[in-house]
């Protein structure tokens, strides 16, 4: 079983990887929003419900895809969009 710190470290590393496509370009926005990749950051508590590195990567990829498909830059802020996804999935 992965520790919370291992999950946080993997998420940070995955989000920091070089962009392979347009959706990946939003990983930087996620990094800036989360900002503090430590177990003290309450935003990262969603990782408690994730059990594998693959699920962490899927979570990040799904968020990036959702930004591409549904984010309206004229009607909302990217930070609000990311926060809603973290809180409500």
PDB file of N, CA and C in Angstrom:
ATOM      1  N   UNK A   1       0.853  -1.186   0.000  1.00  0.00           N
ATOM      2  CA  UNK A   1       0.000   0.000   0.000  1.00  0.00           C
ATOM      3  C   UNK A   1       0.891   1.239   0.000  1.00  0.00           C
ATOM      4  N   UNK A   2       0.518   2.188  -0.824  1.00  0.00           N
ATOM      5  CA  UNK A   2       1.298   3.414  -0.953  1.00  0.00           C
ATOM      6  C   UNK A   2       0.990   4.374   0.187  1.00  0.00           C
ATOM      7  N   UNK A   3       2.013   5.056   0.648  1.00  0.00           N
ATOM      8  CA  UNK A   3       1.806   6.085   1.664  1.00  0.00           C
ATOM      9  C   UNK A   3       1.324   7.364   0.986  1.00  0.00           C
ATOM     10  N   UNK A   4       0.755   8.252   1.761  1.00  0.00           N
ATOM     11  CA  UNK A   4       0.296   9.526   1.221  1.00  0.00           C
ATOM     12  C   UNK A   4       1.473  10.293   0.621  1.00  0.00           C
ATOM     13  N   UNK A   5       2.608  10.274   1.277  1.00  0.00           N
ATOM     14  CA  UNK A   5       3.785  10.980   0.749  1.00  0.00           C
ATOM     15  C   UNK A   5       4.247  10.407  -0.588  1.00  0.00           C
ATOM     16  N   UNK A   6       4.172   9.093  -0.756  1.00  0.00           N
ATOM     17  CA  UNK A   6       4.528   8.477  -2.036  1.00  0.00           C
ATOM     18  C   UNK A   6       3.556   8.914  -3.126  1.00  0.00           C
ATOM     19  N   UNK A   7       2.297   8.973  -2.793  1.00  0.00           N
ATOM     20  CA  UNK A   7       1.282   9.400  -3.749  1.00  0.00           C
ATOM     21  C   UNK A   7       1.496  10.856  -4.153  1.00  0.00           C
ATOM     22  N   UNK A   8       1.759  11.696  -3.176  1.00  0.00           N
ATOM     23  CA  UNK A   8       1.998  13.118  -3.449  1.00  0.00           C
ATOM     24  C   UNK A   8       3.221  13.283  -4.336  1.00  0.00           C
ATOM     25  N   UNK A   9       4.281  12.585  -4.006  1.00  0.00           N
ATOM     26  CA  UNK A   9       5.516  12.669  -4.788  1.00  0.00           C
ATOM     27  C   UNK A   9       5.275  12.206  -6.229  1.00  0.00           C
ATOM     28  N   UNK A  10       4.529  11.125  -6.391  1.00  0.00           N
ATOM     29  CA  UNK A  10       4.243  10.630  -7.737  1.00  0.00           C
ATOM     30  C   UNK A  10       3.384  11.635  -8.516  1.00  0.00           C
ATOM     31  N   UNK A  11       2.379  12.196  -7.880  1.00  0.00           N
ATOM     32  CA  UNK A  11       1.539  13.197  -8.545  1.00  0.00           C
ATOM     33  C   UNK A  11       2.380  14.377  -9.007  1.00  0.00           C
ATOM     34  N   UNK A  12       3.228  14.884  -8.145  1.00  0.00           N
ATOM     35  CA  UNK A  12       4.073  16.025  -8.503  1.00  0.00           C
ATOM     36  C   UNK A  12       4.987  15.668  -9.673  1.00  0.00           C
ATOM     37  N   UNK A  13       5.593  14.495  -9.624  1.00  0.00           N
ATOM     38  CA  UNK A  13       6.481  14.066 -10.716  1.00  0.00           C
ATOM     39  C   UNK A  13       5.722  13.885 -12.022  1.00  0.00           C
ATOM     40  N   UNK A  14       4.545  13.293 -11.943  1.00  0.00           N
ATOM     41  CA  UNK A  14       3.752  13.066 -13.143  1.00  0.00           C
ATOM     42  C   UNK A  14       3.323  14.390 -13.772  1.00  0.00           C
ATOM     43  N   UNK A  15       2.898  15.318 -12.945  1.00  0.00           N
ATOM     44  CA  UNK A  15       2.477  16.619 -13.469  1.00  0.00           C
ATOM     45  C   UNK A  15       3.647  17.411 -14.041  1.00  0.00           C
ATOM     46  N   UNK A  16       4.856  17.108 -13.611  1.00  0.00           N
ATOM     47  CA  UNK A  16       6.051  17.838 -14.051  1.00  0.00           C
ATOM     48  C   UNK A  16       6.671  17.266 -15.322  1.00  0.00           C
ATOM     49  N   UNK A  17       6.161  16.137 -15.806  1.00  0.00           N
ATOM     50  CA  UNK A  17       6.711  15.528 -17.015  1.00  0.00           C
ATOM     51  C   UNK A  17       6.464  16.420 -18.220  1.00  0.00           C
ATOM     52  N   UNK A  18       7.314  16.257 -19.211  1.00  0.00           N
ATOM     53  CA  UNK A  18       7.213  17.035 -20.435  1.00  0.00           C
ATOM     54  C   UNK A  18       5.863  16.796 -21.109  1.00  0.00           C
ATOM     55  N   UNK A  19       5.298  17.855 -21.646  1.00  0.00           N
ATOM     56  CA  UNK A  19       4.004  17.776 -22.319  1.00  0.00           C
ATOM     57  C   UNK A  19       4.115  16.979 -23.605  1.00  0.00           C
ATOM     58  N   UNK A  20       3.169  16.067 -23.787  1.00  0.00           N
ATOM     59  CA  UNK A  20       3.121  15.276 -25.011  1.00  0.00           C
ATOM     60  C   UNK A  20       1.989  15.722 -25.931  1.00  0.00           C
ATOM     61  N   UNK A  21       1.033  16.476 -25.384  1.00  0.00           N
ATOM     62  CA  UNK A  21      -0.102  16.922 -26.189  1.00  0.00           C
ATOM     63  C   UNK A  21      -0.700  18.180 -25.556  1.00  0.00           C
ATOM     64  N   UNK A  22      -1.721  18.700 -26.206  1.00  0.00           N
ATOM     65  CA  UNK A  22      -2.345  19.936 -25.728  1.00  0.00           C
ATOM     66  C   UNK A  22      -2.900  19.791 -24.314  1.00  0.00           C
ATOM     67  N   UNK A  23      -3.560  18.682 -24.033  1.00  0.00           N
ATOM     68  CA  UNK A  23      -4.148  18.480 -22.700  1.00  0.00           C
ATOM     69  C   UNK A  23      -3.076  18.516 -21.617  1.00  0.00           C
ATOM     70  N   UNK A  24      -1.902  17.951 -21.915  1.00  0.00           N
ATOM     71  CA  UNK A  24      -0.811  17.943 -20.934  1.00  0.00           C
ATOM     72  C   UNK A  24      -0.350  19.348 -20.559  1.00  0.00           C
ATOM     73  N   UNK A  25      -0.595  20.313 -21.429  1.00  0.00           N
ATOM     74  CA  UNK A  25      -0.153  21.685 -21.138  1.00  0.00           C
ATOM     75  C   UNK A  25      -0.855  22.249 -19.900  1.00  0.00           C
ATOM     76  N   UNK A  26      -1.967  21.660 -19.497  1.00  0.00           N
ATOM     77  CA  UNK A  26      -2.684  22.144 -18.324  1.00  0.00           C
ATOM     78  C   UNK A  26      -2.122  21.590 -17.010  1.00  0.00           C
ATOM     79  N   UNK A  27      -1.187  20.665 -17.115  1.00  0.00           N
ATOM     80  CA  UNK A  27      -0.553  20.140 -15.908  1.00  0.00           C
ATOM     81  C   UNK A  27       0.144  21.254 -15.126  1.00  0.00           C
ATOM     82  N   UNK A  28       0.710  22.206 -15.840  1.00  0.00           N
ATOM     83  CA  UNK A  28       1.370  23.336 -15.176  1.00  0.00           C
ATOM     84  C   UNK A  28       0.372  24.155 -14.355  1.00  0.00           C
ATOM     85  N   UNK A  29      -0.837  24.321 -14.879  1.00  0.00           N
ATOM     86  CA  UNK A  29      -1.880  25.038 -14.130  1.00  0.00           C
ATOM     87  C   UNK A  29      -2.237  24.291 -12.850  1.00  0.00           C
ATOM     88  N   UNK A  30      -2.269  22.968 -12.938  1.00  0.00           N
ATOM     89  CA  UNK A  30      -2.585  22.148 -11.763  1.00  0.00           C
ATOM     90  C   UNK A  30      -1.470  22.278 -10.729  1.00  0.00           C
ATOM     91  N   UNK A  31      -0.227  22.250 -11.189  1.00  0.00           N
ATOM     92  CA  UNK A  31       0.917  22.421 -10.284  1.00  0.00           C
ATOM     93  C   UNK A  31       0.829  23.765  -9.574  1.00  0.00           C
ATOM     94  N   UNK A  32       0.565  24.817 -10.336  1.00  0.00           N
ATOM     95  CA  UNK A  32       0.485  26.156  -9.724  1.00  0.00           C
ATOM     96  C   UNK A  32      -0.678  26.244  -8.744  1.00  0.00           C
ATOM     97  N   UNK A  33      -1.797  25.593  -9.051  1.00  0.00           N
ATOM     98  CA  UNK A  33      -2.941  25.624  -8.150  1.00  0.00           C
ATOM     99  C   UNK A  33      -2.628  24.892  -6.849  1.00  0.00           C
ATOM    100  N   UNK A  34      -2.103  23.674  -6.956  1.00  0.00           N
ATOM    101  CA  UNK A  34      -1.807  22.889  -5.756  1.00  0.00           C
ATOM    102  C   UNK A  34      -0.683  23.542  -4.959  1.00  0.00           C
ATOM    103  N   UNK A  35       0.367  23.958  -5.634  1.00  0.00           N
ATOM    104  CA  UNK A  35       1.467  24.733  -5.070  1.00  0.00           C
ATOM    105  C   UNK A  35       2.281  23.986  -4.018  1.00  0.00           C
ATOM    106  N   UNK A  36       1.652  23.455  -3.010  1.00  0.00           N
ATOM    107  CA  UNK A  36       2.345  22.838  -1.876  1.00  0.00           C
ATOM    108  C   UNK A  36       2.155  21.324  -1.919  1.00  0.00           C
ATOM    109  N   UNK A  37       3.161  20.626  -2.420  1.00  0.00           N
ATOM    110  CA  UNK A  37       3.078  19.174  -2.547  1.00  0.00           C
ATOM    111  C   UNK A  37       3.626  18.504  -1.289  1.00  0.00           C
ATOM    112  N   UNK A  38       2.905  18.717  -0.187  1.00  0.00           N
ATOM    113  CA  UNK A  38       3.249  18.075   1.086  1.00  0.00           C
ATOM    114  C   UNK A  38       1.988  17.484   1.693  1.00  0.00           C
ATOM    115  N   UNK A  39       2.159  16.612   2.669  1.00  0.00           N
ATOM    116  CA  UNK A  39       0.998  15.990   3.308  1.00  0.00           C
ATOM    117  C   UNK A  39       0.220  16.971   4.185  1.00  0.00           C
ATOM    118  N   UNK A  40       0.724  18.185   4.333  1.00  0.00           N
ATOM    119  CA  UNK A  40       0.016  19.215   5.083  1.00  0.00           C
ATOM    120  C   UNK A  40      -1.034  19.950   4.242  1.00  0.00           C
ATOM    121  N   UNK A  41      -0.972  19.782   2.940  1.00  0.00           N
ATOM    122  CA  UNK A  41      -1.896  20.460   2.033  1.00  0.00           C
ATOM    123  C   UNK A  41      -3.208  19.681   1.967  1.00  0.00           C
ATOM    124  N   UNK A  42      -4.253  20.271   2.479  1.00  0.00           N
ATOM    125  CA  UNK A  42      -5.572  19.629   2.521  1.00  0.00           C
ATOM    126  C   UNK A  42      -6.145  19.366   1.130  1.00  0.00           C
ATOM    127  N   UNK A  43      -5.709  20.128   0.124  1.00  0.00           N
ATOM    128  CA  UNK A  43      -6.180  19.892  -1.235  1.00  0.00           C
ATOM    129  C   UNK A  43      -5.813  18.499  -1.729  1.00  0.00           C
ATOM    130  N   UNK A  44      -4.755  17.941  -1.176  1.00  0.00           N
ATOM    131  CA  UNK A  44      -4.278  16.635  -1.623  1.00  0.00           C
ATOM    132  C   UNK A  44      -4.917  15.473  -0.870  1.00  0.00           C
ATOM    133  N   UNK A  45      -5.881  15.758  -0.035  1.00  0.00           N
ATOM    134  CA  UNK A  45      -6.536  14.689   0.734  1.00  0.00           C
ATOM    135  C   UNK A  45      -7.292  13.712  -0.177  1.00  0.00           C
ATOM    136  N   UNK A  46      -7.634  14.124  -1.389  1.00  0.00           N
ATOM    137  CA  UNK A  46      -8.299  13.216  -2.323  1.00  0.00           C
ATOM    138  C   UNK A  46      -7.420  11.998  -2.620  1.00  0.00           C
ATOM    139  N   UNK A  47      -6.114  12.141  -2.438  1.00  0.00           N
ATOM    140  CA  UNK A  47      -5.198  11.028  -2.695  1.00  0.00           C
ATOM    141  C   UNK A  47      -5.403   9.870  -1.717  1.00  0.00           C
ATOM    142  N   UNK A  48      -6.051  10.140  -0.595  1.00  0.00           N
ATOM    143  CA  UNK A  48      -6.333   9.068   0.361  1.00  0.00           C
ATOM    144  C   UNK A  48      -7.245   8.005  -0.234  1.00  0.00           C
ATOM    145  N   UNK A  49      -8.037   8.389  -1.233  1.00  0.00           N
ATOM    146  CA  UNK A  49      -8.977   7.458  -1.866  1.00  0.00           C
ATOM    147  C   UNK A  49      -8.392   6.764  -3.089  1.00  0.00           C
ATOM    148  N   UNK A  50      -7.144   7.049  -3.384  1.00  0.00           N
ATOM    149  CA  UNK A  50      -6.474   6.475  -4.550  1.00  0.00           C
ATOM    150  C   UNK A  50      -5.461   5.446  -4.053  1.00  0.00           C
ATOM    151  N   UNK A  51      -5.385   4.302  -4.742  1.00  0.00           N
ATOM    152  CA  UNK A  51      -4.546   3.224  -4.218  1.00  0.00           C
ATOM    153  C   UNK A  51      -3.333   2.881  -5.083  1.00  0.00           C
ATOM    154  N   UNK A  52      -3.235   3.448  -6.298  1.00  0.00           N
ATOM    155  CA  UNK A  52      -2.112   3.067  -7.155  1.00  0.00           C
ATOM    156  C   UNK A  52      -1.584   4.278  -7.921  1.00  0.00           C
ATOM    157  N   UNK A  53      -0.364   4.109  -8.423  1.00  0.00           N
ATOM    158  CA  UNK A  53       0.230   5.161  -9.258  1.00  0.00           C
ATOM    159  C   UNK A  53      -0.584   5.349 -10.530  1.00  0.00           C
ATOM    160  N   UNK A  54      -1.103   4.263 -11.064  1.00  0.00           N
ATOM    161  CA  UNK A  54      -1.910   4.340 -12.281  1.00  0.00           C
ATOM    162  C   UNK A  54      -3.165   5.189 -12.052  1.00  0.00           C
ATOM    163  N   UNK A  55      -3.806   5.039 -10.904  1.00  0.00           N
ATOM    164  CA  UNK A  55      -4.988   5.849 -10.589  1.00  0.00           C
ATOM    165  C   UNK A  55      -4.633   7.327 -10.473  1.00  0.00           C
ATOM    166  N   UNK A  56      -3.471   7.624  -9.938  1.00  0.00           N
ATOM    167  CA  UNK A  56      -3.014   9.019  -9.831  1.00  0.00           C
ATOM    168  C   UNK A  56      -2.847   9.607 -11.227  1.00  0.00           C
ATOM    169  N   UNK A  57      -2.210   8.862 -12.106  1.00  0.00           N
ATOM    170  CA  UNK A  57      -2.010   9.334 -13.476  1.00  0.00           C
ATOM    171  C   UNK A  57      -3.348   9.492 -14.197  1.00  0.00           C
ATOM    172  N   UNK A  58      -4.262   8.552 -13.990  1.00  0.00           N
ATOM    173  CA  UNK A  58      -5.592   8.666 -14.591  1.00  0.00           C
ATOM    174  C   UNK A  58      -6.326   9.888 -14.071  1.00  0.00           C
ATOM    175  N   UNK A  59      -6.195  10.167 -12.775  1.00  0.00           N
ATOM    176  CA  UNK A  59      -6.844  11.340 -12.195  1.00  0.00           C
ATOM    177  C   UNK A  59      -6.336  12.606 -12.882  1.00  0.00           C
ATOM    178  N   UNK A  60      -5.027  12.727 -13.014  1.00  0.00           N
ATOM    179  CA  UNK A  60      -4.434  13.911 -13.642  1.00  0.00           C
ATOM    180  C   UNK A  60      -4.836  14.010 -15.112  1.00  0.00           C
ATOM    181  N   UNK A  61      -4.799  12.888 -15.827  1.00  0.00           N
ATOM    182  CA  UNK A  61      -5.180  12.892 -17.243  1.00  0.00           C
ATOM    183  C   UNK A  61      -6.652  13.250 -17.419  1.00  0.00           C
ATOM    184  N   UNK A  62      -7.504  12.736 -16.538  1.00  0.00           N
ATOM    185  CA  UNK A  62      -8.932  13.058 -16.616  1.00  0.00           C
ATOM    186  C   UNK A  62      -9.190  14.536 -16.358  1.00  0.00           C
ATOM    187  N   UNK A  63      -8.478  15.103 -15.404  1.00  0.00           N
ATOM    188  CA  UNK A  63      -8.636  16.535 -15.140  1.00  0.00           C
ATOM    189  C   UNK A  63      -8.183  17.351 -16.348  1.00  0.00           C
ATOM    190  N   UNK A  64      -7.049  17.012 -16.912  1.00  0.00           N
ATOM    191  CA  UNK A  64      -6.574  17.735 -18.099  1.00  0.00           C
ATOM    192  C   UNK A  64      -7.566  17.615 -19.256  1.00  0.00           C
ATOM    193  N   UNK A  65      -8.098  16.430 -19.458  1.00  0.00           N
ATOM    194  CA  UNK A  65      -9.083  16.226 -20.524  1.00  0.00           C
ATOM    195  C   UNK A  65     -10.352  17.030 -20.268  1.00  0.00           C
ATOM    196  N   UNK A  66     -10.776  17.054 -19.027  1.00  0.00           N
ATOM    197  CA  UNK A  66     -11.979  17.809 -18.681  1.00  0.00           C
ATOM    198  C   UNK A  66     -11.757  19.306 -18.915  1.00  0.00           C
ATOM    199  N   UNK A  67     -10.566  19.794 -18.621  1.00  0.00           N
ATOM    200  CA  UNK A  67     -10.256  21.207 -18.877  1.00  0.00           C
ATOM    201  C   UNK A  67     -10.394  21.490 -20.366  1.00  0.00           C
ATOM    202  N   UNK A  68      -9.825  20.626 -21.198  1.00  0.00           N
ATOM    203  CA  UNK A  68      -9.892  20.811 -22.651  1.00  0.00           C
ATOM    204  C   UNK A  68     -11.350  20.824 -23.121  1.00  0.00           C
ATOM    205  N   UNK A  69     -12.151  19.911 -22.599  1.00  0.00           N
ATOM    206  CA  UNK A  69     -13.520  19.750 -23.098  1.00  0.00           C
ATOM    207  C   UNK A  69     -14.525  20.729 -22.512  1.00  0.00           C
ATOM    208  N   UNK A  70     -14.343  21.124 -21.248  1.00  0.00           N
ATOM    209  CA  UNK A  70     -15.417  21.861 -20.574  1.00  0.00           C
ATOM    210  C   UNK A  70     -15.040  23.223 -20.017  1.00  0.00           C
ATOM    211  N   UNK A  71     -13.764  23.531 -19.913  1.00  0.00           N
ATOM    212  CA  UNK A  71     -13.374  24.806 -19.315  1.00  0.00           C
ATOM    213  C   UNK A  71     -13.738  25.959 -20.239  1.00  0.00           C
ATOM    214  N   UNK A  72     -14.402  26.958 -19.674  1.00  0.00           N
ATOM    215  CA  UNK A  72     -14.800  28.161 -20.408  1.00  0.00           C
ATOM    216  C   UNK A  72     -14.013  29.330 -19.847  1.00  0.00           C
ATOM    217  N   UNK A  73     -12.944  29.705 -20.535  1.00  0.00           N
ATOM    218  CA  UNK A  73     -12.061  30.761 -20.027  1.00  0.00           C
ATOM    219  C   UNK A  73     -12.757  32.116 -19.936  1.00  0.00           C
ATOM    220  N   UNK A  74     -13.837  32.289 -20.650  1.00  0.00           N
ATOM    221  CA  UNK A  74     -14.561  33.555 -20.584  1.00  0.00           C
ATOM    222  C   UNK A  74     -15.503  33.616 -19.390  1.00  0.00           C
ATOM    223  N   UNK A  75     -15.922  32.456 -18.890  1.00  0.00           N
ATOM    224  CA  UNK A  75     -16.918  32.446 -17.834  1.00  0.00           C
ATOM    225  C   UNK A  75     -16.427  31.973 -16.478  1.00  0.00           C
ATOM    226  N   UNK A  76     -15.194  31.455 -16.403  1.00  0.00           N
ATOM    227  CA  UNK A  76     -14.701  30.949 -15.130  1.00  0.00           C
ATOM    228  C   UNK A  76     -13.179  31.029 -15.068  1.00  0.00           C
ATOM    229  N   UNK A  77     -12.675  30.887 -13.879  1.00  0.00           N
ATOM    230  CA  UNK A  77     -11.233  30.893 -13.650  1.00  0.00           C
ATOM    231  C   UNK A  77     -10.720  29.459 -13.627  1.00  0.00           C
ATOM    232  N   UNK A  78      -9.515  29.248 -14.136  1.00  0.00           N
ATOM    233  CA  UNK A  78      -8.937  27.909 -14.164  1.00  0.00           C
ATOM    234  C   UNK A  78      -8.784  27.342 -12.755  1.00  0.00           C
ATOM    235  N   UNK A  79      -8.433  28.177 -11.790  1.00  0.00           N
ATOM    236  CA  UNK A  79      -8.283  27.698 -10.412  1.00  0.00           C
ATOM    237  C   UNK A  79      -9.601  27.204  -9.835  1.00  0.00           C
ATOM    238  N   UNK A  80     -10.691  27.884 -10.139  1.00  0.00           N
ATOM    239  CA  UNK A  80     -12.007  27.435  -9.684  1.00  0.00           C
ATOM    240  C   UNK A  80     -12.372  26.098 -10.321  1.00  0.00           C
ATOM    241  N   UNK A  81     -12.051  25.946 -11.589  1.00  0.00           N
ATOM    242  CA  UNK A  81     -12.337  24.713 -12.302  1.00  0.00           C
ATOM    243  C   UNK A  81     -11.561  23.550 -11.687  1.00  0.00           C
ATOM    244  N   UNK A  82     -10.283  23.751 -11.415  1.00  0.00           N
ATOM    245  CA  UNK A  82      -9.444  22.714 -10.819  1.00  0.00           C
ATOM    246  C   UNK A  82      -9.940  22.388  -9.418  1.00  0.00           C
ATOM    247  N   UNK A  83     -10.262  23.405  -8.640  1.00  0.00           N
ATOM    248  CA  UNK A  83     -10.755  23.187  -7.271  1.00  0.00           C
ATOM    249  C   UNK A  83     -12.029  22.341  -7.282  1.00  0.00           C
ATOM    250  N   UNK A  84     -12.954  22.673  -8.165  1.00  0.00           N
ATOM    251  CA  UNK A  84     -14.205  21.905  -8.249  1.00  0.00           C
ATOM    252  C   UNK A  84     -13.922  20.442  -8.588  1.00  0.00           C
ATOM    253  N   UNK A  85     -12.978  20.195  -9.476  1.00  0.00           N
ATOM    254  CA  UNK A  85     -12.664  18.815  -9.840  1.00  0.00           C
ATOM    255  C   UNK A  85     -12.052  18.078  -8.655  1.00  0.00           C
ATOM    256  N   UNK A  86     -11.170  18.738  -7.946  1.00  0.00           N
ATOM    257  CA  UNK A  86     -10.559  18.106  -6.764  1.00  0.00           C
ATOM    258  C   UNK A  86     -11.615  17.775  -5.711  1.00  0.00           C
ATOM    259  N   UNK A  87     -12.528  18.687  -5.498  1.00  0.00           N
ATOM    260  CA  UNK A  87     -13.538  18.500  -4.453  1.00  0.00           C
ATOM    261  C   UNK A  87     -14.648  17.536  -4.848  1.00  0.00           C
ATOM    262  N   UNK A  88     -15.075  17.608  -6.100  1.00  0.00           N
ATOM    263  CA  UNK A  88     -16.287  16.887  -6.512  1.00  0.00           C
ATOM    264  C   UNK A  88     -16.074  15.848  -7.608  1.00  0.00           C
ATOM    265  N   UNK A  89     -14.866  15.801  -8.150  1.00  0.00           N
ATOM    266  CA  UNK A  89     -14.545  14.807  -9.175  1.00  0.00           C
ATOM    267  C   UNK A  89     -15.072  15.090 -10.531  1.00  0.00           C
TER     268      UNK A  89
END
